[in-house]
Protein backbone atom coordinates (compact mmCIF):
# COMPACT_ATOMS: atom_id res chain seq x y z
CA GLU A 1 79.96 6.07 -68.40
CA VAL A 2 80.54 2.54 -67.46
CA GLU A 3 82.06 3.57 -64.18
CA SER A 4 78.90 5.93 -63.22
CA ALA A 5 76.54 2.87 -64.39
CA VAL A 6 78.44 0.15 -61.96
CA ARG A 7 78.24 2.70 -59.26
CA CYS A 8 74.81 3.68 -59.38
CA ILE A 9 74.26 -0.46 -59.73
CA ARG A 10 76.36 -0.99 -56.73
CA LEU A 11 73.97 1.62 -54.94
CA GLY A 12 71.20 -0.53 -55.66
CA ALA A 13 69.65 1.14 -59.51
CA GLU A 14 67.94 -1.84 -60.93
CA ASP A 15 68.76 -0.08 -64.36
CA TYR A 16 70.44 2.06 -66.36
CA LEU A 17 70.10 3.84 -69.90
CA ALA A 18 73.15 5.82 -71.71
CA LYS A 19 72.61 9.27 -72.94
CA PRO A 20 71.04 9.91 -75.54
CA PHE A 21 68.05 8.35 -74.38
CA GLU A 22 65.82 6.22 -76.90
CA PRO A 23 62.22 6.71 -76.26
CA THR A 24 61.27 3.34 -77.47
CA LEU A 25 63.48 1.65 -75.19
CA LEU A 26 63.22 4.07 -72.13
CA ARG A 27 59.27 3.13 -72.05
CA ALA A 28 60.52 -0.22 -72.54
CA ARG A 29 62.66 -0.06 -69.73
CA LEU A 30 60.34 2.06 -67.19
CA ARG A 31 57.62 -0.47 -67.87
CA ALA A 32 59.88 -3.50 -66.62
CA SER A 33 61.03 -1.16 -63.40
CA ILE A 34 57.02 -0.69 -62.76
CA GLU A 35 56.20 -4.44 -63.27
CA LYS A 36 59.12 -5.05 -60.97
CA LYS A 37 58.08 -2.94 -58.09
CA GLN A 38 54.35 -4.18 -58.41
CA LEU A 39 55.72 -7.76 -57.98
CA HIS A 40 57.67 -6.62 -55.31
CA ASP A 41 54.93 -5.01 -53.58
CA ARG A 42 52.58 -8.04 -53.88
CA GLU A 43 55.17 -10.40 -52.68
CA ILE A 44 55.64 -8.10 -49.53
CA VAL A 45 51.70 -8.25 -48.61
CA HIS A 46 51.64 -12.16 -49.33
CA LEU A 47 54.99 -12.62 -46.96
CA ARG A 48 52.95 -10.15 -44.47
CA ALA A 49 49.95 -12.42 -45.04
CA ILE A 50 51.64 -15.49 -44.22
CA ASP A 51 53.56 -13.88 -41.16
CA GLU A 52 50.14 -12.93 -39.73
CA GLU A 53 48.61 -16.53 -40.52
CA ARG A 54 51.55 -18.13 -38.90
CA ARG A 55 50.91 -15.69 -35.45
CA ARG A 56 47.18 -16.65 -35.92
CA SER A 57 48.01 -20.42 -35.98
CA GLU A 58 50.58 -20.06 -33.15
CA ALA A 59 47.87 -18.25 -30.74
CA LEU A 60 45.80 -21.19 -31.51
CA LEU A 61 48.13 -23.94 -30.52
CA HIS A 62 48.67 -21.64 -27.15
CA ALA A 63 45.11 -21.53 -26.78
CA ILE A 64 44.35 -25.32 -26.97
CA PHE A 65 48.10 -26.63 -25.76
CA PRO A 66 50.09 -25.72 -22.60
CA PRO A 67 53.18 -24.09 -23.42
CA GLN A 68 55.37 -26.86 -23.15
CA ILE A 69 53.28 -29.00 -25.38
CA VAL A 70 53.33 -26.34 -28.19
CA ARG A 71 57.10 -26.17 -27.99
CA GLU A 72 57.27 -29.91 -28.24
CA LEU A 73 54.80 -29.69 -31.14
CA LYS A 74 56.55 -27.25 -33.05
CA ALA A 75 60.02 -28.71 -32.50
CA ASN A 76 58.90 -32.38 -33.67
CA GLN A 77 55.42 -32.28 -35.21
CA SER A 78 54.08 -34.32 -32.67
CA VAL A 79 53.66 -34.99 -28.47
CA ARG A 80 54.85 -38.20 -27.03
CA PRO A 81 52.32 -39.43 -24.49
CA ARG A 82 54.03 -39.58 -20.67
CA ARG A 83 53.28 -41.13 -17.53
CA TYR A 84 53.58 -38.33 -14.95
CA GLU A 85 54.31 -39.03 -10.97
CA ASN A 86 52.90 -37.22 -8.09
CA VAL A 87 50.52 -35.06 -10.20
CA ALA A 88 47.60 -33.01 -8.47
CA VAL A 89 44.35 -32.91 -10.37
CA LEU A 90 41.87 -30.38 -9.63
CA PHE A 91 37.83 -30.63 -10.74
CA SER A 92 35.87 -27.67 -10.15
CA ASP A 93 31.98 -27.23 -10.84
CA THR A 94 29.70 -24.59 -11.01
CA VAL A 95 26.65 -25.47 -8.56
CA GLY A 96 23.18 -24.70 -9.88
CA PHE A 97 24.65 -23.67 -13.59
CA THR A 98 22.28 -26.02 -15.40
CA SER A 99 19.44 -24.56 -14.04
CA PHE A 100 20.99 -21.14 -14.43
CA ALA A 101 21.48 -21.75 -18.23
CA GLU A 102 17.95 -23.23 -18.51
CA ALA A 103 16.41 -19.62 -17.22
CA ARG A 104 18.35 -17.58 -19.51
CA GLU A 105 19.10 -16.38 -23.28
CA PRO A 106 22.15 -18.52 -24.90
CA GLU A 107 24.05 -15.40 -25.32
CA ASP A 108 23.53 -14.40 -21.95
CA VAL A 109 24.74 -18.02 -20.36
CA ILE A 110 27.85 -17.92 -22.37
CA ASP A 111 28.79 -14.25 -21.51
CA HIS A 112 28.38 -15.53 -17.61
CA LEU A 113 30.19 -18.40 -18.23
CA GLN A 114 32.88 -17.28 -19.59
CA ARG A 115 33.49 -14.41 -17.52
CA LEU A 116 33.86 -17.12 -14.63
CA VAL A 117 36.31 -19.19 -17.00
CA HIS A 118 38.20 -16.47 -17.85
CA ARG A 119 38.62 -15.87 -14.05
CA GLN A 120 39.71 -19.52 -13.35
CA ASP A 121 41.96 -19.43 -16.05
CA GLU A 122 43.82 -16.27 -14.30
CA ILE A 123 43.83 -17.92 -11.21
CA ALA A 124 45.09 -21.37 -12.14
CA GLU A 125 48.17 -19.36 -14.22
CA VAL A 126 48.85 -17.41 -11.00
CA HIS A 127 49.12 -20.63 -9.13
CA ASN A 128 51.25 -22.29 -11.99
CA LEU A 129 48.72 -25.06 -12.60
CA GLU A 130 48.22 -25.97 -16.02
CA LYS A 131 44.84 -25.93 -17.47
CA ILE A 132 43.55 -29.29 -19.21
CA LYS A 133 40.08 -28.23 -20.45
CA THR A 134 36.54 -27.03 -19.49
CA ILE A 135 33.38 -29.27 -20.00
CA GLY A 136 30.56 -26.69 -19.76
CA ASP A 137 30.78 -25.26 -16.43
CA ALA A 138 33.19 -27.65 -15.16
CA PHE A 139 37.33 -26.79 -15.04
CA MET A 140 40.07 -29.16 -15.29
CA ALA A 141 43.66 -28.25 -14.12
CA ALA A 142 46.77 -29.84 -12.74
CA ALA A 143 49.76 -29.15 -10.46
CA GLY A 144 53.28 -30.74 -11.14
CA LEU A 145 52.96 -31.81 -14.33
CA LEU A 146 54.71 -30.13 -17.16
CA ARG A 147 56.52 -27.68 -14.54
CA PRO A 148 58.47 -29.49 -11.20
CA MET A 149 56.34 -28.35 -8.33
CA SER A 150 57.25 -29.32 -4.70
CA ASP A 151 53.70 -29.21 -3.25
CA PRO A 152 51.26 -29.69 -6.12
CA VAL A 153 48.39 -30.61 -3.51
CA GLN A 154 48.94 -27.20 -1.56
CA ALA A 155 48.96 -25.58 -5.29
CA CYS A 156 45.50 -26.95 -6.14
CA VAL A 157 44.01 -26.12 -2.86
CA ARG A 158 45.09 -22.23 -2.82
CA CYS A 159 43.88 -21.99 -6.43
CA GLY A 160 40.82 -23.70 -5.58
CA LEU A 161 40.16 -21.41 -2.76
CA ASP A 162 40.69 -18.33 -5.15
CA MET A 163 38.48 -19.59 -7.50
CA ILE A 164 35.86 -19.93 -4.86
CA ASP A 165 36.42 -16.37 -4.21
CA ALA A 166 36.51 -15.05 -7.53
CA ALA A 167 33.19 -16.89 -8.59
CA ARG A 168 31.50 -15.24 -5.68
CA ALA A 169 32.78 -11.91 -6.40
CA LEU A 170 30.75 -12.20 -9.83
CA ASP A 171 27.54 -10.52 -10.45
CA PRO A 172 25.55 -12.75 -10.07
CA PRO A 173 27.72 -14.85 -7.74
CA PHE A 174 28.26 -18.64 -8.33
CA GLU A 175 29.30 -21.46 -5.55
CA LEU A 176 32.17 -23.64 -6.83
CA ARG A 177 32.59 -27.48 -5.68
CA ILE A 178 36.14 -28.21 -5.91
CA GLY A 179 37.75 -31.76 -5.31
CA VAL A 180 41.56 -32.82 -5.51
CA HIS A 181 43.13 -36.18 -5.91
CA VAL A 182 47.13 -36.75 -6.40
CA GLY A 183 48.48 -39.49 -8.16
CA PRO A 184 50.34 -41.06 -11.32
CA LEU A 185 48.53 -40.50 -14.40
CA VAL A 186 49.15 -40.28 -18.54
CA GLY A 187 49.20 -37.55 -20.41
CA GLY A 188 49.18 -36.85 -24.32
CA VAL A 189 47.40 -35.62 -27.55
CA LEU A 190 44.03 -37.11 -28.34
CA GLY A 191 42.05 -36.30 -31.59
CA ARG A 192 42.75 -36.55 -35.63
CA LYS A 193 40.91 -32.92 -36.67
CA GLN A 194 39.98 -31.02 -33.47
CA TYR A 195 42.97 -32.00 -30.89
CA LEU A 196 43.19 -32.13 -27.05
CA PHE A 197 46.10 -32.53 -24.47
CA ASP A 198 44.43 -34.29 -22.21
CA LEU A 199 44.66 -36.58 -18.93
CA ILE A 200 43.71 -40.63 -18.14
CA GLY A 201 43.95 -42.52 -15.42
CA ASP A 202 42.61 -43.58 -11.81
CA THR A 203 43.95 -40.16 -10.63
CA VAL A 204 41.82 -38.23 -12.94
CA ASN A 205 38.68 -40.15 -12.06
CA THR A 206 39.29 -39.82 -8.63
CA ALA A 207 39.62 -36.49 -8.65
CA SER A 208 36.11 -35.88 -10.57
CA ARG A 209 34.75 -38.34 -7.72
CA VAL A 210 36.04 -36.15 -5.21
CA GLU A 211 34.63 -33.25 -6.65
CA SER A 212 31.27 -34.63 -7.07
CA ALA A 213 31.15 -35.84 -3.16
CA GLY A 214 32.50 -33.07 -1.90
CA VAL A 215 29.96 -29.56 -0.68
CA PRO A 216 29.41 -26.22 -2.03
CA GLY A 217 31.99 -23.52 -1.47
CA ALA A 218 34.58 -25.87 -0.39
CA VAL A 219 37.84 -27.55 -1.16
CA SER A 220 37.68 -31.15 -0.75
CA LEU A 221 40.41 -33.76 -0.89
CA SER A 222 41.00 -37.34 -1.06
CA GLY A 223 42.59 -39.18 1.67
CA SER A 224 45.96 -39.41 0.24
CA ALA A 225 46.11 -35.91 -1.46
CA TRP A 226 44.98 -34.64 2.13
CA GLN A 227 48.22 -36.50 3.74
CA GLN A 228 50.32 -34.41 1.74
CA ILE A 229 49.09 -31.11 3.38
CA ALA A 230 47.78 -32.32 6.90
CA HIS A 231 50.96 -30.90 8.94
CA LEU A 232 50.49 -27.22 7.57
CA SER A 233 46.45 -27.45 7.45
CA MET A 234 43.10 -28.30 9.09
CA GLY A 235 40.46 -30.39 7.67
CA ARG A 236 37.19 -32.04 8.33
CA SER A 237 36.31 -35.67 7.09
CA LEU A 238 33.40 -35.89 5.30
CA GLY A 239 33.19 -39.93 5.46
CA ILE A 240 33.82 -42.77 2.93
CA VAL A 241 33.07 -42.89 -0.29
CA GLU A 242 32.21 -45.66 -3.32
CA VAL A 243 34.87 -45.10 -6.47
CA LYS A 244 33.66 -47.29 -9.34
CA GLY A 245 36.88 -49.54 -10.34
CA ARG A 246 38.75 -48.83 -6.96
CA GLU A 247 38.33 -49.09 -2.98
CA ALA A 248 36.34 -46.73 -1.24
CA ILE A 249 38.30 -43.62 -0.30
CA GLU A 250 38.10 -40.78 2.54
CA ILE A 251 36.93 -37.44 1.47
CA VAL A 252 38.49 -34.44 3.86
CA ARG A 253 37.24 -30.91 3.26
CA PHE A 254 39.37 -28.37 3.64
CA GLU A 255 39.25 -25.84 6.65
CA ARG A 256 42.21 -23.64 6.78
CA PHE A 257 46.02 -23.57 6.71
CA ARG A 258 47.56 -23.14 10.26
């Protein structure tokens, strides 16, 4: 009997009783086994809930931050601010969206904006741009930031052209005004409760100014950004514009690739 009991326990048995069974002891052993099974089942449910919460938390991180930032945050519990060189910044603004929104119900406004932003997200990913943020109907992305890129300005231009086409294909269609500038900047995670990976510096401010000085339905570039693609592109100067805190800059409208 001892050998049989040992063999059963080795095979996974929780307990054993020798014959003849004592009814009181049998009931006690059964009750203990049932309680142990119930505890085990509750533990499995709890572990599954923890795993599901972990997956939701990770999905939320990926919705807020670029993948490289998520990996660093998980590994180090923090993200070190960095200076990045030769980063192309793209700003997109939806022309007339404020007037569009004022004439419609909130649910309708968000539905149309969500469809536009969804397409912009997809297009930015195709062209290897990192989406930084949306502010209302404005969209900001960067090329050559977290992934090495030989020609970040060209990537932004091609991304901008596809975004313009995608916005026009929506129902109702929208017109985008897009601006691109290139240069150094600082990137880091900001906030205490609501975190945001953001970019800071003159390059960002200038890209925003280029967008606002551009024309609807076109990609506009600063003079320095244009110089990086002038050998393979054709464009038209829109003139000189003042930029707060720096010298005036030339704005060039992209026409087509050669």
